[in-house]
């Protein structure tokens, strides 16, 4: 599951002005789990 999230994040365009709120929340959860 985490690998899938990382692949999806890598596939996102770098010039995206603002990610969807759910993406931000998923990143925060992932970051808190990785600490």
Protein backbone atom coordinates (compact mmCIF):
# COMPACT_ATOMS: atom_id res chain seq x y z
CA UNK A 1 0.00 0.00 0.00
CA UNK A 2 2.78 2.44 0.91
CA UNK A 3 4.66 1.59 -2.27
CA UNK A 4 1.50 2.29 -4.28
CA UNK A 5 1.16 5.69 -2.61
CA UNK A 6 4.78 6.51 -3.38
CA UNK A 7 4.32 5.53 -7.03
CA UNK A 8 1.19 7.69 -7.30
CA UNK A 9 2.99 10.63 -5.74
CA UNK A 10 5.90 10.21 -8.15
CA UNK A 11 3.43 10.22 -11.04
CA UNK A 12 1.96 13.58 -10.02
CA UNK A 13 2.99 16.60 -12.07
CA UNK A 14 5.61 18.63 -10.22
CA UNK A 15 3.97 21.95 -11.11
CA UNK A 16 0.67 21.14 -9.44
CA UNK A 17 -0.39 24.37 -7.67
CA UNK A 18 -2.19 22.69 -4.74
CA UNK A 19 -2.81 18.99 -4.13
CA UNK A 20 -6.30 17.83 -3.15
CA UNK A 21 -7.01 17.90 0.58
CA UNK A 22 -7.13 14.10 0.73
CA UNK A 23 -3.65 13.92 -0.78
CA UNK A 24 -2.36 16.33 1.86
CA UNK A 25 -3.94 14.24 4.59
CA UNK A 26 -2.49 11.03 3.19
CA UNK A 27 0.97 12.61 3.05
CA UNK A 28 0.68 13.79 6.66
CA UNK A 29 -0.36 10.30 7.79
CA UNK A 30 2.47 8.72 5.81
CA UNK A 31 5.01 11.18 7.21
CA UNK A 32 3.85 10.57 10.78
CA UNK A 33 4.11 6.80 10.26
CA UNK A 34 7.61 7.07 8.81
CA UNK A 35 8.99 8.96 11.84
